[in-house]
Protein backbone atom coordinates (compact mmCIF):
# COMPACT_ATOMS: atom_id res chain seq x y z
CA MET A 1 29.46 -41.67 19.47
CA THR A 2 27.65 -42.83 16.81
CA THR A 3 27.54 -42.20 13.32
CA LYS A 4 24.41 -40.26 13.40
CA THR A 5 25.36 -38.09 16.30
CA THR A 6 28.83 -37.22 14.64
CA THR A 7 27.13 -36.61 11.13
CA CYS A 8 24.77 -33.94 13.16
CA LEU A 9 27.29 -32.30 15.30
CA ALA A 10 29.23 -31.90 12.13
CA ALA A 11 26.39 -30.30 10.43
CA ALA A 12 26.10 -27.96 13.54
CA LEU A 13 29.39 -26.86 13.49
CA ALA A 14 29.28 -26.05 9.92
CA LEU A 15 26.20 -23.68 10.26
CA LEU A 16 27.75 -21.64 13.39
CA ALA A 17 31.11 -21.45 11.20
CA ALA A 18 29.22 -20.29 8.16
CA PRO A 19 28.82 -16.36 7.51
CA ALA A 20 25.59 -14.50 7.84
CA ALA A 21 23.35 -13.62 5.34
CA ALA A 22 24.99 -11.06 3.35
CA GLU A 23 22.87 -7.41 3.73
CA THR A 24 21.86 -5.70 0.69
CA ARG A 25 23.17 -2.14 0.64
CA LEU A 26 21.48 0.16 -1.51
CA THR A 27 22.46 3.60 -2.75
CA LEU A 28 20.14 6.53 -3.09
CA SER A 29 20.88 9.90 -4.21
CA HIS A 30 19.03 13.21 -4.68
CA PHE A 31 20.06 16.97 -5.45
CA LEU A 32 18.80 18.79 -2.57
CA PRO A 33 20.68 19.93 0.75
CA ALA A 34 20.22 17.46 3.95
CA VAL A 35 18.58 20.08 5.80
CA HIS A 36 15.81 20.36 3.38
CA GLY A 37 12.60 18.53 4.24
CA ILE A 38 12.92 16.25 0.88
CA HIS A 39 16.08 14.47 2.64
CA THR A 40 14.49 14.82 6.70
CA ASP A 41 11.00 14.51 6.20
CA PHE A 42 10.86 12.09 2.57
CA ILE A 43 13.94 10.52 1.92
CA VAL A 44 15.41 9.47 4.95
CA PRO A 45 12.07 7.87 6.60
CA TRP A 46 11.27 5.90 3.55
CA THR A 47 14.73 4.41 3.60
CA GLU A 48 13.72 3.92 7.47
CA GLN A 49 10.62 2.29 6.90
CA VAL A 50 11.87 0.05 4.00
CA THR A 51 14.75 -1.45 6.52
CA GLU A 52 12.56 -1.99 9.24
CA CYS A 53 10.17 -3.90 7.01
CA ALA A 54 13.10 -5.99 5.56
CA GLY A 55 13.94 -6.82 9.21
CA GLY A 56 17.38 -5.08 8.74
CA ALA A 57 18.62 -7.18 5.72
CA VAL A 58 18.34 -3.98 3.43
CA THR A 59 20.29 -0.68 4.17
CA PHE A 60 20.95 2.51 2.33
CA GLU A 61 23.62 4.90 1.61
CA ILE A 62 22.39 8.10 0.56
CA SER A 63 24.36 11.00 -1.28
CA PRO A 64 22.62 14.42 -1.09
CA GLY A 65 23.03 17.40 -2.83
CA GLY A 66 26.74 18.55 -2.34
CA THR A 67 28.31 15.46 -2.39
CA ALA A 68 29.90 13.54 -5.49
CA ARG A 69 26.68 12.12 -6.35
CA GLY A 70 24.21 14.92 -5.55
CA SER A 71 24.28 16.72 -8.87
CA VAL A 72 20.73 17.66 -10.11
CA ALA A 73 21.76 17.09 -13.74
CA ARG A 74 22.94 13.89 -13.17
CA GLN A 75 20.01 11.95 -11.12
CA GLN A 76 18.25 10.14 -14.04
CA GLU A 77 21.70 8.88 -15.67
CA GLN A 78 23.30 7.61 -12.66
CA VAL A 79 20.20 5.45 -11.83
CA MET A 80 20.15 4.40 -15.62
CA ALA A 81 23.54 3.19 -15.10
CA GLY A 82 23.42 1.78 -12.15
CA VAL A 83 25.76 4.70 -10.37
CA VAL A 84 23.11 4.79 -7.86
CA ASP A 85 20.29 2.09 -7.43
CA ILE A 86 17.54 5.12 -6.63
CA ALA A 87 17.34 8.49 -7.40
CA HIS A 88 15.00 11.61 -6.84
CA GLY A 89 15.38 14.47 -9.52
CA LEU A 90 13.57 17.42 -11.65
CA HIS A 91 12.17 16.34 -14.48
CA GLY A 92 13.23 19.41 -16.57
CA ILE A 93 16.73 19.18 -15.43
CA PRO A 94 18.61 18.53 -18.10
CA ARG A 95 15.90 19.63 -20.68
CA GLY A 96 13.95 17.34 -23.04
CA ARG A 97 14.19 13.66 -21.26
CA PHE A 98 10.71 13.95 -19.67
CA PRO A 99 8.40 15.68 -22.45
CA ARG A 100 4.96 13.88 -21.15
CA THR A 101 5.43 14.14 -17.58
CA SER A 102 6.96 18.21 -18.00
CA LEU A 103 3.67 19.06 -19.30
CA ILE A 104 2.71 19.69 -15.59
CA ASP A 105 4.76 22.45 -15.83
CA LEU A 106 2.60 24.36 -17.87
CA PRO A 107 1.47 27.55 -16.24
CA PHE A 108 -2.34 28.01 -15.02
CA LEU A 109 -3.03 24.31 -14.14
CA THR A 110 -2.90 24.44 -10.48
CA ASP A 111 -1.03 25.86 -7.48
CA ASP A 112 -1.53 23.05 -5.34
CA ALA A 113 1.44 20.20 -4.47
CA GLY A 114 -1.13 17.69 -3.67
CA ALA A 115 -3.27 18.12 -6.78
CA ALA A 116 -0.39 18.11 -9.22
CA THR A 117 0.90 15.09 -7.61
CA HIS A 118 -2.37 13.23 -7.75
CA ALA A 119 -2.95 14.51 -11.41
CA LEU A 120 0.67 12.87 -12.35
CA TRP A 121 0.40 9.51 -10.63
CA SER A 122 -3.28 8.91 -11.67
CA ILE A 123 -2.21 9.29 -15.55
CA PHE A 124 0.82 7.56 -15.09
CA ASP A 125 0.02 4.19 -16.40
CA ASP A 126 -1.98 5.74 -19.14
CA TYR A 127 0.11 8.62 -20.67
CA LEU A 128 3.51 8.66 -19.13
CA ALA A 129 4.98 5.25 -18.20
CA GLU A 130 6.79 4.93 -21.52
CA GLU A 131 9.04 7.69 -20.52
CA TYR A 132 10.36 5.68 -17.55
CA SER A 133 12.04 2.59 -19.61
CA GLY A 134 14.40 0.61 -17.43
CA LEU A 135 13.36 2.36 -14.34
CA LYS A 136 10.80 1.01 -11.55
CA VAL A 137 8.98 4.29 -10.64
CA LEU A 138 8.41 4.77 -6.46
CA ALA A 139 6.48 8.17 -7.16
CA LEU A 140 6.07 11.57 -8.95
CA HIS A 141 5.51 14.52 -7.54
CA ALA A 142 5.36 18.54 -8.02
CA HIS A 143 5.76 21.24 -5.55
CA ASN A 144 3.16 24.15 -4.52
CA GLY A 145 2.59 27.10 -7.18
CA GLY A 146 5.96 28.92 -7.73
CA LEU A 147 6.63 32.44 -6.79
CA ILE A 148 9.15 34.97 -8.62
CA HIS A 149 11.45 36.22 -6.33
CA THR A 150 13.74 39.02 -7.02
CA ARG A 151 16.87 40.95 -5.54
CA ASP A 152 16.50 44.45 -6.58
CA ARG A 153 13.23 45.21 -7.97
CA PRO A 154 9.51 44.34 -6.54
CA VAL A 155 7.58 42.45 -9.45
CA THR A 156 3.78 42.86 -9.46
CA THR A 157 2.96 43.20 -12.91
CA MET A 158 3.72 41.79 -16.50
CA GLU A 159 5.76 45.04 -17.19
CA ASP A 160 7.98 44.67 -14.10
CA LEU A 161 9.61 41.59 -15.77
CA GLN A 162 11.09 42.98 -18.63
CA GLY A 163 14.19 42.44 -19.22
CA LEU A 164 14.93 40.93 -15.74
CA ARG A 165 17.20 37.71 -15.63
CA ILE A 166 15.15 35.28 -14.12
CA ARG A 167 16.52 31.41 -12.99
CA THR A 168 14.28 28.98 -14.82
CA PRO A 169 13.98 25.22 -13.78
CA SER A 170 12.49 23.61 -16.75
CA PRO A 171 11.45 24.34 -20.70
CA ALA A 172 8.03 24.99 -19.85
CA ILE A 173 8.90 27.90 -17.42
CA SER A 174 11.14 29.20 -19.59
CA GLU A 175 8.94 30.01 -22.29
CA MET A 176 6.55 31.39 -19.90
CA LEU A 177 9.29 33.79 -18.37
CA SER A 178 9.87 34.51 -21.79
CA PHE A 179 6.51 35.19 -22.90
CA LEU A 180 6.00 37.45 -19.85
CA GLY A 181 9.24 39.71 -20.90
CA ALA A 182 11.74 38.28 -18.57
CA SER A 183 15.14 36.42 -19.77
CA PRO A 184 15.24 33.18 -18.44
CA GLN A 185 18.53 31.62 -17.40
CA GLY A 186 18.88 27.79 -16.88
CA LEU A 187 20.77 27.47 -13.72
CA PRO A 188 20.53 24.39 -10.78
CA PRO A 189 19.10 25.32 -7.61
CA GLY A 190 22.24 24.88 -5.63
CA GLU A 191 23.93 27.76 -7.92
CA VAL A 192 21.11 30.43 -7.65
CA TYR A 193 22.55 31.71 -4.53
CA GLU A 194 26.07 32.68 -5.79
CA ASN A 195 24.86 34.14 -8.76
CA LEU A 196 21.98 36.43 -7.62
CA GLN A 197 24.92 37.57 -4.70
CA ARG A 198 27.09 38.24 -7.79
CA GLY A 199 24.53 39.98 -10.16
CA VAL A 200 24.65 37.44 -12.85
CA ILE A 201 20.69 37.02 -12.50
CA ASP A 202 18.21 39.45 -11.18
CA GLY A 203 15.84 36.88 -9.80
CA THR A 204 14.32 33.22 -9.72
CA VAL A 205 11.33 31.14 -9.88
CA PHE A 206 10.77 28.69 -6.73
CA PRO A 207 8.39 27.81 -4.29
CA TRP A 208 8.75 28.95 -0.80
CA ASP A 209 10.77 26.16 0.44
CA PRO A 210 14.25 26.83 -0.94
CA VAL A 211 14.44 30.36 0.22
CA ASN A 212 15.02 28.84 3.65
CA SER A 213 16.50 25.58 2.71
CA PHE A 214 18.94 27.38 0.23
CA GLY A 215 19.62 30.47 2.20
CA LEU A 216 18.08 32.79 0.08
CA ALA A 217 16.65 34.89 2.27
CA GLU A 218 19.77 36.55 2.66
CA VAL A 219 20.36 37.54 -1.23
CA LEU A 220 16.33 38.16 -2.07
CA ASN A 221 14.20 41.01 -1.53
CA TYR A 222 11.13 40.92 -3.08
CA HIS A 223 8.86 37.57 -3.59
CA LEU A 224 5.46 37.76 -5.75
CA GLU A 225 3.24 34.95 -5.09
CA ALA A 226 2.28 34.51 -8.43
CA GLY A 227 0.97 30.80 -8.00
CA VAL A 228 0.95 30.24 -11.63
CA TYR A 229 3.12 27.13 -12.19
CA THR A 230 4.63 23.96 -10.47
CA VAL A 231 7.27 21.79 -11.44
CA SER A 232 7.69 18.30 -11.29
CA PHE A 233 10.23 15.34 -9.64
CA PHE A 234 10.64 11.77 -10.06
CA PHE A 235 11.81 9.45 -7.32
CA VAL A 236 13.07 6.18 -9.16
CA MET A 237 14.94 2.80 -8.94
CA ASN A 238 17.06 1.07 -11.24
CA GLU A 239 14.53 -1.62 -12.83
CA ALA A 240 16.95 -4.02 -12.99
CA ARG A 241 18.49 -4.17 -9.61
CA TYR A 242 14.70 -4.06 -8.45
CA ASN A 243 14.09 -7.23 -10.32
CA ALA A 244 17.39 -8.32 -9.00
CA LEU A 245 16.35 -7.92 -5.00
CA ASP A 246 14.56 -10.88 -3.10
CA GLU A 247 10.49 -10.82 -3.00
CA GLU A 248 10.58 -9.64 0.71
CA THR A 249 12.36 -6.79 -0.26
CA ARG A 250 10.59 -5.68 -3.64
CA ALA A 251 7.55 -5.93 -0.94
CA CYS A 252 8.90 -3.63 1.49
CA ILE A 253 9.90 -1.14 -1.36
CA ASP A 254 6.48 -1.31 -2.76
CA ALA A 255 4.79 -0.95 0.52
CA ALA A 256 6.60 2.33 1.06
CA SER A 257 6.02 3.86 -2.40
CA GLY A 258 3.33 4.31 -4.75
CA ASP A 259 -0.26 5.55 -3.37
CA ALA A 260 1.08 5.40 0.26
CA LEU A 261 3.63 7.84 -0.91
CA ILE A 262 1.54 10.26 -3.12
CA ALA A 263 -0.37 11.04 -0.93
CA ARG A 264 1.71 12.53 1.49
CA PHE A 265 3.43 15.34 -0.77
CA GLY A 266 0.49 17.97 -0.63
CA ASP A 267 0.86 18.13 3.38
CA TRP A 268 4.50 17.83 3.37
CA TRP A 269 5.04 20.99 0.86
CA ASP A 270 2.72 22.96 2.83
CA ALA A 271 5.25 22.40 5.89
CA TRP A 272 8.14 22.81 3.66
CA ASP A 273 7.25 25.94 2.32
CA ALA A 274 6.26 27.57 6.06
CA PRO A 275 10.05 28.17 7.09
CA GLY A 276 10.55 30.35 3.60
CA ARG A 277 8.13 32.36 4.20
CA ALA A 278 9.01 32.78 7.71
CA ALA A 279 12.47 33.60 6.61
CA ALA A 280 11.23 36.29 4.19
CA GLU A 281 9.30 37.92 6.87
CA ALA A 282 12.26 38.11 9.51
CA ARG A 283 14.38 39.97 6.90
CA GLY A 284 11.16 42.13 6.45
CA SER A 285 11.62 41.43 2.74
CA GLN A 286 8.29 42.62 0.77
CA ILE A 287 5.78 39.90 -0.19
CA SER A 288 3.08 40.48 -2.62
CA ALA A 289 0.16 38.78 -4.37
CA LEU A 290 -0.37 38.72 -7.84
CA SER A 291 -3.74 40.70 -8.22
CA ASP A 292 -6.88 38.58 -9.54
CA ALA A 293 -6.89 41.42 -12.71
CA GLU A 294 -3.34 41.02 -13.38
CA ARG A 295 -3.54 37.09 -13.24
CA GLU A 296 -6.00 37.28 -15.87
CA ARG A 297 -3.83 39.59 -17.63
CA TRP A 298 -0.97 36.79 -17.42
CA ARG A 299 -3.38 33.76 -18.34
CA GLU A 300 -4.66 35.83 -21.49
CA ALA A 301 -0.73 36.55 -22.69
CA LEU A 302 0.18 32.91 -22.10
CA SER A 303 -2.38 31.29 -23.66
CA PRO A 304 -0.81 31.26 -26.92
CA MET A 305 2.50 30.05 -25.50
CA ILE A 306 0.58 27.08 -24.03
CA GLU A 307 -0.42 26.45 -27.50
CA ALA A 308 2.64 26.96 -29.06
CA TYR A 309 4.17 24.48 -26.65
CA LEU A 310 1.76 21.68 -27.21
CA ASP A 311 2.60 22.26 -30.87
CA ALA A 312 6.25 22.08 -30.02
CA VAL A 313 5.87 18.82 -28.00
CA GLU A 314 3.71 17.14 -30.74
CA ALA A 315 6.49 18.26 -33.38
CA GLU A 316 9.40 16.58 -31.33
CA GLY A 317 7.30 13.15 -31.16
CA VAL A 318 4.37 13.29 -28.52
CA ALA A 319 1.70 13.08 -31.05
CA ASN A 320 -1.27 12.82 -27.70
CA ALA A 321 0.28 15.83 -26.28
CA ARG A 322 -3.19 17.99 -25.86
CA GLU A 323 -4.57 15.06 -24.93
CA ILE A 324 -2.05 14.30 -21.83
CA HIS A 325 -2.51 18.10 -20.82
CA ALA A 326 -6.69 17.61 -20.91
CA ALA A 327 -6.15 14.33 -18.83
CA LEU A 328 -3.94 16.41 -16.25
CA GLN A 329 -6.55 19.20 -16.19
CA ALA A 330 -9.22 16.52 -15.71
CA ALA A 331 -7.32 14.79 -12.95
CA ILE A 332 -6.42 18.33 -10.94
CA ALA A 333 -10.27 19.19 -11.22
CA ASP A 334 -11.00 15.87 -9.83
CA TYR A 335 -8.93 15.99 -6.86
CA GLY A 336 -10.38 16.14 -3.26
CA GLU A 337 -14.15 15.47 -4.47
């Protein structure tokens, strides 16, 4: 056997003996139950798309609500600290971390998830990016117009809200409820069922989807389709972890995120809301709509609340809060044109 042949054979044997390239495993957490559409229609397919694009070189471990990493209050801090690589969470919990982005929660901007999501993404670079230092933002989105759901008393007017203890998801919604006469109660979504059942709260604000996904149809009897507010969410990755990935994997994450993902939330949320409304109908719960006249009363009553909220955000360091609010209004108006 020649020296050259021996060398080639040794190299081939070394390649066979070498371990396969290590698979990249990314961790992802969110706060919703694994039956929710955000998990089944958005999160899981997103991970599968990235895995397929990367030829199986990257896989995911998902921790939904109800797991050790599924607390709604910890999604942002977990991804910042590298406890998880990617997280989906609510901007308003804990309060105060995203004052610019959370302006979308102010009443009477839109009741459409697609429009709200488009608005957030379209102004992100100019107005919101500084709130996400250390994070790779994969998407921002919002839900359809929220309802006021109650256990024992129907709500169709401002007067009906007087003194009711209503669960709230964010500072802006808390202020809205207070101005309308209710007593806002901060609670994570996963604690609403028990607190309604025990009579600790009288109702909650949610879009339709949690009525089904959290089983709330069992403890709610009245639903007002108010549609005066929305609430926003983040889908983010630890920036250092993203930058440490190889170029191909980063390209796969980018291809599954951003503009390609943003465009889907409007239709998704319509689909996610449908089972919630159906669950309420199946139980014979009372579903009411806010009348045009009553909506104008709410709009008038909440006008000073909006101004006071913008004043407070400016006083806390967001000097251009009114400019951001106006940019959101303009982006919503442009949606679909």
